[in-house]
N, C-alpha and C. Protein backbone atom coordinates (compact mmCIF):
# COMPACT_ATOMS: atom_id res chain seq x y z
N MET A 1 -111.88 -28.42 -20.19
CA MET A 1 -110.63 -28.99 -20.62
C MET A 1 -110.69 -30.15 -20.33
N LEU A 2 -110.74 -30.52 -19.13
CA LEU A 2 -110.17 -31.95 -18.51
C LEU A 2 -111.65 -32.94 -19.18
N ASN A 3 -112.56 -32.66 -19.41
CA ASN A 3 -113.11 -33.26 -20.47
C ASN A 3 -112.85 -33.58 -21.75
N THR A 4 -111.97 -33.15 -22.31
CA THR A 4 -111.79 -32.73 -23.57
C THR A 4 -110.77 -34.50 -23.56
N ILE A 5 -110.08 -33.98 -22.21
CA ILE A 5 -108.72 -35.37 -21.77
C ILE A 5 -109.32 -36.34 -21.55
N TYR A 6 -110.68 -36.31 -20.44
CA TYR A 6 -111.28 -37.86 -20.89
C TYR A 6 -112.11 -38.12 -21.48
N ALA A 7 -112.10 -37.52 -22.87
CA ALA A 7 -112.49 -37.57 -23.72
C ALA A 7 -111.80 -38.04 -24.80
N GLY A 8 -110.58 -38.34 -24.93
CA GLY A 8 -109.55 -38.43 -25.86
C GLY A 8 -109.22 -39.73 -24.95
N ILE A 9 -109.08 -40.07 -24.31
CA ILE A 9 -108.69 -41.30 -23.36
C ILE A 9 -109.44 -42.16 -23.21
N THR A 10 -110.68 -42.55 -23.45
CA THR A 10 -111.44 -42.98 -23.72
C THR A 10 -111.95 -43.42 -24.63
N ALA A 11 -111.52 -42.45 -26.03
CA ALA A 11 -111.80 -42.89 -27.53
C ALA A 11 -110.57 -43.99 -27.91
N LEU A 12 -109.21 -43.25 -27.25
CA LEU A 12 -108.07 -44.37 -27.37
C LEU A 12 -108.77 -45.54 -26.79
N VAL A 13 -109.02 -45.69 -25.60
CA VAL A 13 -108.82 -47.15 -25.18
C VAL A 13 -110.26 -47.69 -25.78
N VAL A 14 -111.44 -47.33 -26.23
CA VAL A 14 -112.32 -47.77 -27.25
C VAL A 14 -111.85 -47.96 -28.68
N ILE A 15 -111.19 -47.32 -28.83
CA ILE A 15 -110.54 -47.95 -30.72
C ILE A 15 -109.31 -48.29 -30.25
N THR A 16 -108.14 -48.46 -29.26
CA THR A 16 -107.28 -49.47 -29.88
C THR A 16 -107.72 -50.72 -28.72
N GLY A 17 -108.42 -50.86 -28.25
CA GLY A 17 -108.54 -52.37 -27.73
C GLY A 17 -108.54 -53.10 -28.14
N PRO A 18 -110.03 -53.41 -29.09
CA PRO A 18 -110.41 -54.28 -29.67
C PRO A 18 -109.45 -54.69 -30.86
N SER A 19 -108.85 -53.75 -31.81
CA SER A 19 -107.71 -53.50 -32.69
C SER A 19 -106.35 -54.46 -32.28
N LEU A 20 -106.10 -54.07 -30.92
CA LEU A 20 -104.81 -54.48 -30.33
C LEU A 20 -105.08 -55.91 -30.39
N ALA A 21 -106.05 -56.16 -29.79
CA ALA A 21 -106.38 -58.01 -29.07
C ALA A 21 -106.23 -58.44 -31.08
N TYR A 22 -106.46 -58.17 -31.97
CA TYR A 22 -106.71 -58.45 -33.04
C TYR A 22 -105.24 -58.74 -33.58
N ALA A 23 -104.77 -57.35 -33.49
CA ALA A 23 -103.47 -57.39 -33.92
C ALA A 23 -102.18 -57.96 -33.51
N GLN A 24 -102.61 -58.39 -31.97
CA GLN A 24 -101.46 -59.41 -31.02
C GLN A 24 -101.75 -60.88 -31.18
N ASN A 25 -103.00 -61.59 -32.10
CA ASN A 25 -103.22 -62.74 -32.34
C ASN A 25 -102.83 -63.30 -33.47
N PRO A 26 -101.68 -63.87 -33.91
CA PRO A 26 -101.18 -64.27 -34.99
C PRO A 26 -101.70 -65.18 -35.59
N ARG A 27 -102.40 -66.02 -34.38
CA ARG A 27 -103.33 -67.70 -34.67
C ARG A 27 -104.53 -67.39 -35.16
N ALA A 28 -105.36 -66.32 -35.03
CA ALA A 28 -106.48 -65.96 -35.33
C ALA A 28 -107.00 -66.64 -36.78
N GLU A 29 -107.53 -67.53 -37.05
CA GLU A 29 -107.82 -68.47 -38.30
C GLU A 29 -108.90 -67.82 -38.95
N ALA A 30 -109.76 -66.80 -38.58
CA ALA A 30 -111.30 -66.52 -39.28
C ALA A 30 -109.97 -64.98 -39.76
N ALA A 31 -110.37 -64.67 -41.52
CA ALA A 31 -109.64 -63.86 -42.08
C ALA A 31 -110.47 -62.38 -41.64
N SER A 32 -112.19 -62.53 -41.03
CA SER A 32 -112.59 -61.44 -40.85
C SER A 32 -112.09 -61.17 -39.12
N GLN A 33 -111.27 -61.71 -38.64
CA GLN A 33 -110.55 -61.31 -37.79
C GLN A 33 -109.03 -60.69 -37.49
N ARG A 34 -108.38 -60.70 -39.11
CA ARG A 34 -107.67 -60.11 -39.04
C ARG A 34 -106.98 -58.61 -39.10
N ILE A 35 -106.41 -58.18 -38.82
CA ILE A 35 -106.24 -56.76 -38.88
C ILE A 35 -106.15 -56.26 -40.16
N THR A 36 -106.82 -55.48 -40.99
CA THR A 36 -106.19 -55.14 -42.18
C THR A 36 -105.78 -53.45 -42.11
N ALA A 37 -105.08 -53.28 -43.23
CA ALA A 37 -104.69 -52.08 -43.83
C ALA A 37 -105.28 -51.04 -43.24
N ALA A 38 -106.73 -51.18 -43.97
CA ALA A 38 -107.85 -49.91 -43.82
C ALA A 38 -107.64 -49.69 -42.74
N ASP A 39 -107.79 -50.94 -41.45
CA ASP A 39 -108.03 -50.78 -40.04
C ASP A 39 -106.82 -50.04 -39.03
N LEU A 40 -105.80 -50.13 -39.71
CA LEU A 40 -104.60 -49.72 -39.28
C LEU A 40 -104.63 -47.98 -39.36
N ASN A 41 -105.06 -48.04 -40.82
CA ASN A 41 -105.11 -46.63 -40.89
C ASN A 41 -105.81 -45.48 -39.92
N ALA A 42 -107.29 -46.43 -40.15
CA ALA A 42 -108.32 -45.41 -39.41
C ALA A 42 -107.74 -45.85 -37.96
N LEU A 43 -107.21 -46.50 -37.20
CA LEU A 43 -106.41 -46.18 -35.79
C LEU A 43 -105.47 -44.92 -35.79
N THR A 44 -104.53 -44.86 -36.80
CA THR A 44 -103.64 -44.02 -37.25
C THR A 44 -104.55 -42.64 -37.49
N ASP A 45 -105.22 -42.48 -37.80
CA ASP A 45 -106.18 -40.96 -37.86
C ASP A 45 -106.89 -40.92 -36.72
N ALA A 46 -107.37 -42.18 -35.99
CA ALA A 46 -107.67 -41.53 -34.67
C ALA A 46 -107.17 -41.14 -33.04
N ARG A 47 -105.54 -42.21 -33.27
CA ARG A 47 -104.42 -41.38 -32.56
C ARG A 47 -104.43 -40.38 -32.79
N ILE A 48 -103.89 -39.91 -34.43
CA ILE A 48 -103.78 -38.04 -34.85
C ILE A 48 -104.57 -37.60 -33.98
N ALA A 49 -105.95 -37.72 -34.37
CA ALA A 49 -107.00 -36.95 -33.57
C ALA A 49 -106.86 -36.67 -32.15
N ILE A 50 -106.53 -37.93 -31.46
CA ILE A 50 -107.01 -38.09 -30.54
C ILE A 50 -105.17 -36.54 -29.97
N VAL A 51 -104.36 -36.71 -30.40
CA VAL A 51 -103.66 -36.27 -29.91
C VAL A 51 -103.09 -34.43 -29.82
N LYS A 52 -104.20 -34.25 -31.43
CA LYS A 52 -104.10 -32.91 -31.77
C LYS A 52 -105.36 -32.03 -30.68
N GLY A 53 -106.56 -33.10 -30.90
CA GLY A 53 -107.67 -32.51 -30.06
C GLY A 53 -107.00 -32.46 -28.61
N THR A 54 -106.70 -33.00 -28.13
CA THR A 54 -105.72 -33.14 -26.44
C THR A 54 -105.16 -31.82 -26.83
N LEU A 55 -104.04 -31.03 -27.43
CA LEU A 55 -103.20 -30.68 -27.13
C LEU A 55 -104.24 -29.15 -27.59
N GLN A 56 -105.00 -28.95 -28.76
CA GLN A 56 -105.96 -27.49 -28.14
C GLN A 56 -104.51 -26.82 -28.93
N LEU A 57 -104.66 -26.83 -30.14
CA LEU A 57 -103.44 -25.94 -30.67
C LEU A 57 -103.80 -24.65 -31.17
N THR A 58 -102.86 -23.65 -30.85
CA THR A 58 -102.92 -22.69 -31.58
C THR A 58 -102.61 -22.16 -33.13
N ALA A 59 -103.43 -20.96 -33.47
CA ALA A 59 -102.78 -21.13 -34.80
C ALA A 59 -101.54 -20.83 -35.11
N ASP A 60 -100.14 -20.28 -34.78
CA ASP A 60 -99.16 -20.20 -34.17
C ASP A 60 -98.68 -21.46 -34.11
N GLN A 61 -99.10 -22.00 -33.83
CA GLN A 61 -98.54 -23.92 -33.65
C GLN A 61 -98.54 -24.51 -34.31
N GLU A 62 -100.31 -23.99 -34.78
CA GLU A 62 -100.55 -25.07 -35.99
C GLU A 62 -99.90 -25.34 -37.42
N LYS A 63 -98.93 -24.15 -37.22
CA LYS A 63 -97.78 -24.28 -38.65
C LYS A 63 -96.64 -25.58 -38.76
N TYR A 64 -96.47 -25.94 -37.01
CA TYR A 64 -95.77 -27.21 -37.37
C TYR A 64 -96.29 -28.44 -36.81
N TRP A 65 -97.11 -28.71 -37.42
CA TRP A 65 -98.61 -30.15 -37.12
C TRP A 65 -98.44 -31.13 -38.06
N PRO A 66 -98.51 -30.38 -39.31
CA PRO A 66 -97.95 -31.49 -40.53
C PRO A 66 -96.73 -31.86 -40.41
N ALA A 67 -95.75 -31.50 -39.74
CA ALA A 67 -94.80 -32.57 -40.01
C ALA A 67 -94.83 -33.44 -38.34
N ILE A 68 -95.09 -33.70 -37.65
CA ILE A 68 -95.37 -34.44 -37.04
C ILE A 68 -96.55 -35.03 -37.38
N GLU A 69 -97.96 -34.81 -37.78
CA GLU A 69 -98.31 -36.01 -38.41
C GLU A 69 -97.72 -36.56 -39.35
N GLU A 70 -96.97 -36.19 -40.36
CA GLU A 70 -96.60 -36.67 -41.58
C GLU A 70 -95.62 -37.69 -40.77
N ALA A 71 -94.83 -37.67 -39.51
CA ALA A 71 -94.01 -38.92 -38.70
C ALA A 71 -94.43 -39.58 -38.46
N ILE A 72 -95.95 -39.42 -38.04
CA ILE A 72 -96.64 -40.20 -36.72
C ILE A 72 -97.17 -41.38 -38.31
N ARG A 73 -97.25 -40.75 -39.81
CA ARG A 73 -98.13 -41.96 -40.16
C ARG A 73 -96.66 -42.29 -41.15
N ALA A 74 -95.42 -42.38 -41.03
CA ALA A 74 -94.44 -42.71 -41.45
C ALA A 74 -94.13 -44.16 -40.27
N ARG A 75 -94.13 -43.68 -39.61
CA ARG A 75 -93.74 -44.59 -38.20
C ARG A 75 -95.42 -46.06 -38.73
N ALA A 76 -96.47 -45.68 -38.72
CA ALA A 76 -97.52 -46.73 -39.00
C ALA A 76 -97.47 -47.09 -40.14
N LYS A 77 -97.12 -46.89 -41.29
CA LYS A 77 -96.25 -46.85 -42.59
C LYS A 77 -95.37 -48.13 -42.20
N ALA A 78 -94.94 -48.02 -41.54
CA ALA A 78 -93.27 -48.54 -40.68
C ALA A 78 -93.53 -50.17 -40.36
N ARG A 79 -94.49 -49.76 -39.21
CA ARG A 79 -95.32 -50.48 -38.59
C ARG A 79 -95.87 -51.79 -39.12
N LEU A 80 -97.05 -51.30 -40.43
CA LEU A 80 -97.36 -52.27 -41.16
C LEU A 80 -96.62 -53.28 -42.35
N ALA A 81 -95.38 -52.51 -42.76
CA ALA A 81 -94.68 -52.94 -43.43
C ALA A 81 -93.84 -53.74 -42.19
N ARG A 82 -93.57 -53.77 -41.22
CA ARG A 82 -92.75 -55.20 -40.34
C ARG A 82 -94.00 -56.10 -39.91
N LEU A 83 -94.91 -56.01 -39.68
CA LEU A 83 -96.35 -56.56 -39.56
C LEU A 83 -96.37 -58.05 -40.54
N GLU A 84 -96.32 -57.34 -42.14
CA GLU A 84 -96.90 -58.19 -42.79
C GLU A 84 -95.97 -59.52 -42.72
N PRO A 85 -94.43 -59.28 -43.46
CA PRO A 85 -93.77 -60.68 -43.41
C PRO A 85 -93.95 -61.35 -42.06
N ILE A 86 -93.86 -60.67 -41.02
CA ILE A 86 -94.79 -61.60 -39.75
C ILE A 86 -96.02 -62.43 -39.99
N THR A 87 -96.94 -61.68 -40.54
CA THR A 87 -98.34 -63.16 -40.10
C THR A 87 -98.13 -63.48 -41.71
N THR A 88 -97.39 -63.76 -43.04
CA THR A 88 -97.77 -64.33 -44.16
C THR A 88 -96.58 -65.52 -43.34
N GLY A 89 -95.26 -65.10 -42.80
CA GLY A 89 -94.45 -65.92 -42.31
C GLY A 89 -95.45 -67.28 -41.31
N ALA A 90 -96.01 -66.76 -40.53
CA ALA A 90 -96.85 -67.62 -39.68
C ALA A 90 -97.70 -68.24 -39.88
N ALA A 91 -98.50 -67.86 -40.95
CA ALA A 91 -99.00 -68.18 -42.07
C ALA A 91 -98.32 -69.47 -42.96
N GLY A 92 -97.35 -69.66 -43.18
CA GLY A 92 -96.14 -70.17 -43.43
C GLY A 92 -95.91 -71.50 -42.50
N ARG A 93 -95.41 -71.37 -41.09
CA ARG A 93 -94.92 -71.98 -40.03
C ARG A 93 -96.41 -73.11 -39.92
N ALA A 94 -97.65 -72.37 -40.23
CA ALA A 94 -98.58 -73.16 -39.11
C ALA A 94 -98.53 -74.14 -40.24
N ASP A 95 -98.13 -74.68 -41.57
CA ASP A 95 -98.66 -75.99 -42.40
C ASP A 95 -97.56 -76.74 -42.08
N GLY A 96 -96.61 -76.18 -41.05
CA GLY A 96 -95.29 -77.47 -40.68
C GLY A 96 -95.45 -77.39 -39.40
N SER A 97 -94.98 -78.67 -38.63
CA SER A 97 -94.81 -79.39 -37.11
C SER A 97 -94.05 -78.17 -36.43
N ALA A 98 -94.27 -78.11 -35.35
CA ALA A 98 -93.60 -77.33 -34.38
C ALA A 98 -91.92 -77.76 -34.66
N ILE A 99 -91.92 -79.40 -34.23
CA ILE A 99 -90.65 -79.59 -34.61
C ILE A 99 -90.11 -78.97 -35.74
N GLU A 100 -90.33 -79.01 -36.65
CA GLU A 100 -90.03 -78.34 -38.50
C GLU A 100 -89.63 -77.08 -37.92
N VAL A 101 -90.46 -76.71 -37.95
CA VAL A 101 -90.48 -75.01 -37.69
C VAL A 101 -89.37 -74.80 -36.54
N LEU A 102 -89.39 -75.17 -35.48
CA LEU A 102 -87.95 -75.17 -34.64
C LEU A 102 -86.69 -75.88 -35.37
N ARG A 103 -86.69 -76.61 -35.94
CA ARG A 103 -85.18 -77.17 -36.60
C ARG A 103 -85.13 -76.41 -37.35
N ASP A 104 -86.14 -75.92 -38.47
CA ASP A 104 -85.64 -75.12 -39.59
C ASP A 104 -85.10 -73.64 -39.31
N ARG A 105 -85.13 -73.01 -38.39
CA ARG A 105 -84.88 -71.89 -38.04
C ARG A 105 -83.37 -71.61 -37.54
N ASN A 106 -83.36 -70.16 -37.71
CA ASN A 106 -81.42 -69.96 -37.85
C ASN A 106 -81.95 -69.37 -37.38
N PRO A 107 -81.09 -68.77 -35.80
CA PRO A 107 -80.72 -68.10 -34.80
C PRO A 107 -79.73 -67.08 -35.26
N VAL A 108 -79.23 -66.70 -36.14
CA VAL A 108 -78.43 -66.01 -36.48
C VAL A 108 -78.88 -64.75 -37.68
N GLU A 109 -79.53 -65.81 -38.78
CA GLU A 109 -80.62 -64.60 -39.69
C GLU A 109 -81.72 -63.95 -38.78
N PHE A 110 -81.75 -64.95 -37.43
CA PHE A 110 -83.07 -64.12 -36.29
C PHE A 110 -82.47 -62.52 -36.07
N LEU A 111 -81.09 -63.25 -35.39
CA LEU A 111 -80.88 -62.10 -35.16
C LEU A 111 -80.77 -60.75 -35.73
N ASP A 112 -79.83 -61.12 -36.71
CA ASP A 112 -79.82 -60.15 -38.06
C ASP A 112 -81.18 -59.52 -38.64
N ARG A 113 -81.58 -60.21 -38.54
CA ARG A 113 -83.40 -59.25 -39.28
C ARG A 113 -83.55 -58.68 -37.91
N ARG A 114 -83.86 -59.39 -36.54
CA ARG A 114 -83.87 -58.31 -35.22
C ARG A 114 -83.61 -56.89 -34.77
N ALA A 115 -82.52 -56.99 -35.57
CA ALA A 115 -81.06 -55.75 -35.46
C ALA A 115 -81.10 -55.05 -36.34
N ASP A 116 -81.84 -55.01 -37.60
CA ASP A 116 -82.07 -53.75 -38.84
C ASP A 116 -83.57 -53.88 -38.01
N ALA A 117 -84.45 -54.69 -37.71
CA ALA A 117 -85.57 -53.99 -37.59
C ALA A 117 -85.24 -52.91 -36.19
N LEU A 118 -84.45 -52.95 -35.66
CA LEU A 118 -84.64 -52.04 -34.10
C LEU A 118 -84.00 -50.87 -34.24
N ALA A 119 -82.98 -51.32 -35.68
CA ALA A 119 -82.39 -49.84 -36.07
C ALA A 119 -83.25 -49.09 -36.96
N GLN A 120 -84.05 -50.08 -37.79
CA GLN A 120 -85.24 -49.23 -38.71
C GLN A 120 -86.26 -48.03 -37.49
N ARG A 121 -86.46 -49.18 -36.52
CA ARG A 121 -87.43 -48.24 -35.51
C ARG A 121 -86.77 -47.22 -34.66
N SER A 122 -85.67 -47.47 -34.90
CA SER A 122 -84.94 -46.06 -33.78
C SER A 122 -84.81 -44.96 -34.86
N ALA A 123 -84.73 -45.52 -36.35
CA ALA A 123 -84.43 -44.10 -37.12
C ALA A 123 -85.68 -43.26 -37.18
N ASP A 124 -87.16 -43.82 -37.36
CA ASP A 124 -88.56 -43.85 -36.95
C ASP A 124 -88.84 -42.47 -35.92
N LEU A 125 -88.06 -43.11 -34.87
CA LEU A 125 -88.31 -42.64 -33.60
C LEU A 125 -87.60 -41.25 -33.15
N LYS A 126 -86.48 -41.43 -33.91
CA LYS A 126 -85.92 -40.17 -33.90
C LYS A 126 -86.49 -39.29 -34.81
N LYS A 127 -86.74 -39.18 -35.87
CA LYS A 127 -88.00 -38.40 -36.58
C LYS A 127 -88.65 -37.95 -36.39
N LEU A 128 -89.67 -38.56 -35.46
CA LEU A 128 -90.60 -38.03 -34.68
C LEU A 128 -90.19 -37.38 -33.72
N ALA A 129 -89.39 -37.53 -33.10
CA ALA A 129 -88.88 -36.39 -32.16
C ALA A 129 -88.26 -35.40 -32.78
N ALA A 130 -88.12 -35.51 -33.84
CA ALA A 130 -87.07 -34.08 -34.54
C ALA A 130 -88.32 -33.24 -34.60
N ALA A 131 -89.46 -33.90 -35.52
CA ALA A 131 -90.56 -33.82 -35.62
C ALA A 131 -91.30 -33.19 -34.10
N TRP A 132 -91.51 -33.17 -33.42
CA TRP A 132 -92.19 -32.77 -32.45
C TRP A 132 -91.40 -31.53 -31.89
N GLN A 133 -90.05 -31.51 -31.74
CA GLN A 133 -90.08 -30.83 -31.19
C GLN A 133 -89.48 -29.35 -31.09
N PRO A 134 -89.76 -28.75 -32.63
CA PRO A 134 -90.34 -27.16 -32.73
C PRO A 134 -91.57 -27.21 -32.01
N LEU A 135 -92.49 -27.97 -32.07
CA LEU A 135 -93.69 -27.66 -31.57
C LEU A 135 -93.64 -27.81 -30.08
N TYR A 136 -93.20 -28.99 -29.66
CA TYR A 136 -93.20 -28.83 -27.74
C TYR A 136 -93.27 -27.64 -27.18
N GLN A 137 -91.22 -27.25 -28.21
CA GLN A 137 -91.20 -25.63 -27.51
C GLN A 137 -91.72 -24.42 -27.05
N THR A 138 -93.10 -24.62 -28.17
CA THR A 138 -93.86 -23.69 -28.37
C THR A 138 -95.61 -24.00 -27.63
N LEU A 139 -95.46 -25.08 -27.00
CA LEU A 139 -96.42 -25.33 -25.96
C LEU A 139 -96.89 -24.43 -24.49
N MET A 140 -97.62 -24.72 -24.32
CA MET A 140 -97.83 -23.92 -23.01
C MET A 140 -98.43 -25.29 -22.14
N PRO A 141 -97.46 -24.55 -20.37
CA PRO A 141 -97.37 -25.24 -19.81
C PRO A 141 -98.82 -26.41 -19.76
N ASP A 142 -99.73 -25.82 -19.66
CA ASP A 142 -101.27 -26.84 -19.56
C ASP A 142 -101.50 -27.76 -20.84
N GLN A 143 -100.83 -27.54 -22.04
CA GLN A 143 -100.58 -28.16 -23.04
C GLN A 143 -99.46 -29.28 -23.09
N LYS A 144 -98.29 -29.04 -22.12
CA LYS A 144 -97.45 -29.97 -22.14
C LYS A 144 -98.15 -31.00 -20.69
N ARG A 145 -99.28 -30.60 -19.48
CA ARG A 145 -99.80 -31.47 -19.12
C ARG A 145 -100.41 -32.28 -18.96
N ARG A 146 -101.44 -31.69 -20.74
CA ARG A 146 -102.10 -32.76 -21.26
C ARG A 146 -100.78 -34.09 -21.69
N LEU A 147 -100.42 -33.50 -22.63
CA LEU A 147 -99.76 -34.10 -23.77
C LEU A 147 -99.06 -35.26 -22.91
N GLY A 148 -98.70 -34.86 -21.65
CA GLY A 148 -97.53 -36.26 -20.62
C GLY A 148 -98.85 -36.68 -20.12
N LEU A 149 -100.06 -36.42 -19.72
CA LEU A 149 -100.96 -37.50 -19.41
C LEU A 149 -101.88 -38.49 -20.62
N LEU A 150 -101.66 -37.86 -21.96
CA LEU A 150 -101.97 -38.84 -22.53
C LEU A 150 -100.57 -39.97 -23.02
N THR A 151 -99.78 -39.02 -22.76
CA THR A 151 -98.18 -40.46 -22.98
C THR A 151 -98.54 -41.11 -21.85
N MET A 152 -98.87 -40.70 -20.68
CA MET A 152 -98.72 -41.60 -19.75
C MET A 152 -100.18 -42.83 -19.65
N VAL A 153 -101.20 -42.60 -20.12
CA VAL A 153 -102.24 -43.39 -20.17
C VAL A 153 -101.88 -44.17 -21.39
N ALA A 154 -101.56 -43.84 -22.86
CA ALA A 154 -101.18 -44.59 -23.68
C ALA A 154 -99.81 -45.68 -23.09
N LEU A 155 -99.07 -45.30 -22.45
CA LEU A 155 -97.83 -46.15 -21.85
C LEU A 155 -98.62 -47.19 -21.05
N ARG A 156 -99.31 -46.98 -20.55
CA ARG A 156 -100.03 -47.66 -19.82
C ARG A 156 -101.04 -49.13 -19.89
N GLU A 157 -101.54 -48.25 -21.16
CA GLU A 157 -102.03 -48.95 -21.95
C GLU A 157 -101.77 -50.35 -22.19
N LEU A 158 -100.39 -49.72 -23.19
CA LEU A 158 -99.36 -50.60 -23.70
C LEU A 158 -98.71 -51.61 -22.68
N ARG A 159 -98.69 -50.62 -21.56
CA ARG A 159 -97.31 -52.10 -20.89
C ARG A 159 -98.90 -52.82 -19.88
N ASP A 160 -100.57 -52.73 -20.31
CA ASP A 160 -101.27 -53.39 -19.83
C ASP A 160 -101.27 -54.85 -20.54
N ARG A 161 -101.43 -54.40 -22.00
CA ARG A 161 -101.50 -56.01 -23.29
C ARG A 161 -100.47 -56.13 -22.82
N ALA A 162 -99.26 -55.90 -23.20
CA ALA A 162 -97.83 -56.50 -23.19
C ALA A 162 -98.06 -57.89 -21.62
N GLU A 163 -98.53 -57.38 -20.77
CA GLU A 163 -98.76 -57.95 -19.23
C GLU A 163 -99.69 -59.18 -19.85
N GLN A 164 -100.74 -58.35 -20.25
CA GLN A 164 -101.83 -59.64 -20.76
C GLN A 164 -101.72 -60.72 -21.75
N ARG A 165 -100.41 -60.16 -22.55
CA ARG A 165 -100.09 -61.29 -23.53
C ARG A 165 -99.56 -62.38 -23.25
N ARG A 166 -98.00 -61.73 -22.10
CA ARG A 166 -97.41 -62.96 -21.19
C ARG A 166 -98.54 -63.71 -20.28
N ILE A 167 -99.42 -63.38 -20.02
CA ILE A 167 -100.39 -64.41 -18.86
C ILE A 167 -101.22 -65.25 -20.40
N GLU A 168 -101.61 -64.68 -20.90
CA GLU A 168 -102.20 -65.85 -22.08
C GLU A 168 -100.89 -66.40 -22.67
N ALA A 169 -99.83 -66.04 -22.50
CA ALA A 169 -99.04 -67.34 -23.78
C ALA A 169 -98.50 -68.22 -21.87
N ALA A 170 -98.95 -67.20 -20.81
CA ALA A 170 -97.84 -68.49 -19.78
C ALA A 170 -99.60 -69.70 -19.62
N ASP A 171 -100.65 -69.47 -19.95
CA ASP A 171 -101.52 -70.18 -19.92
C ASP A 171 -101.81 -71.16 -21.10
N GLU A 172 -101.10 -70.53 -22.16
CA GLU A 172 -101.10 -71.40 -23.33
C GLU A 172 -100.18 -72.46 -23.55
N GLU A 173 -99.37 -72.48 -22.80
CA GLU A 173 -98.43 -73.24 -22.53
C GLU A 173 -98.38 -74.52 -21.30
N GLU A 174 -99.35 -74.13 -20.44
CA GLU A 174 -99.75 -74.95 -19.43
C GLU A 174 -101.10 -76.04 -20.01
């Protein structure tokens, strides 16, 4: 059982590491380095497989899984929709100088767009929580422990990636 968890964690790190590195670098000029919709779909498939494999659902619990998978895929689709304007906007801003980009920014419009994006992410997260609720009530203590461990590892990876981006941004400023 512990081997399954370690295998899932290892697969998560191996799959998400390189993909996230490219996804977080909007200045990558080579088209081959840009993350594609197919890459994100493959990453979503892998995440779903890792979570499902880690839980080792019983036949009775399997009936709750389709709603969870649908919610996970909906969040991934929404993430892709959020990334598209960012990458196209970054490409458009790359043509102008840094001073022009800063001069032409409207902070009120930015705050309004950010608030809308956060509201949408909140709604998507609520849908995911609602999808998980029925299954979570049926999980056995060992399944809950494995899910908690997987969540903790995933959050640690996100924190580490965010810290790495902060350090890289600080290095670029110097």
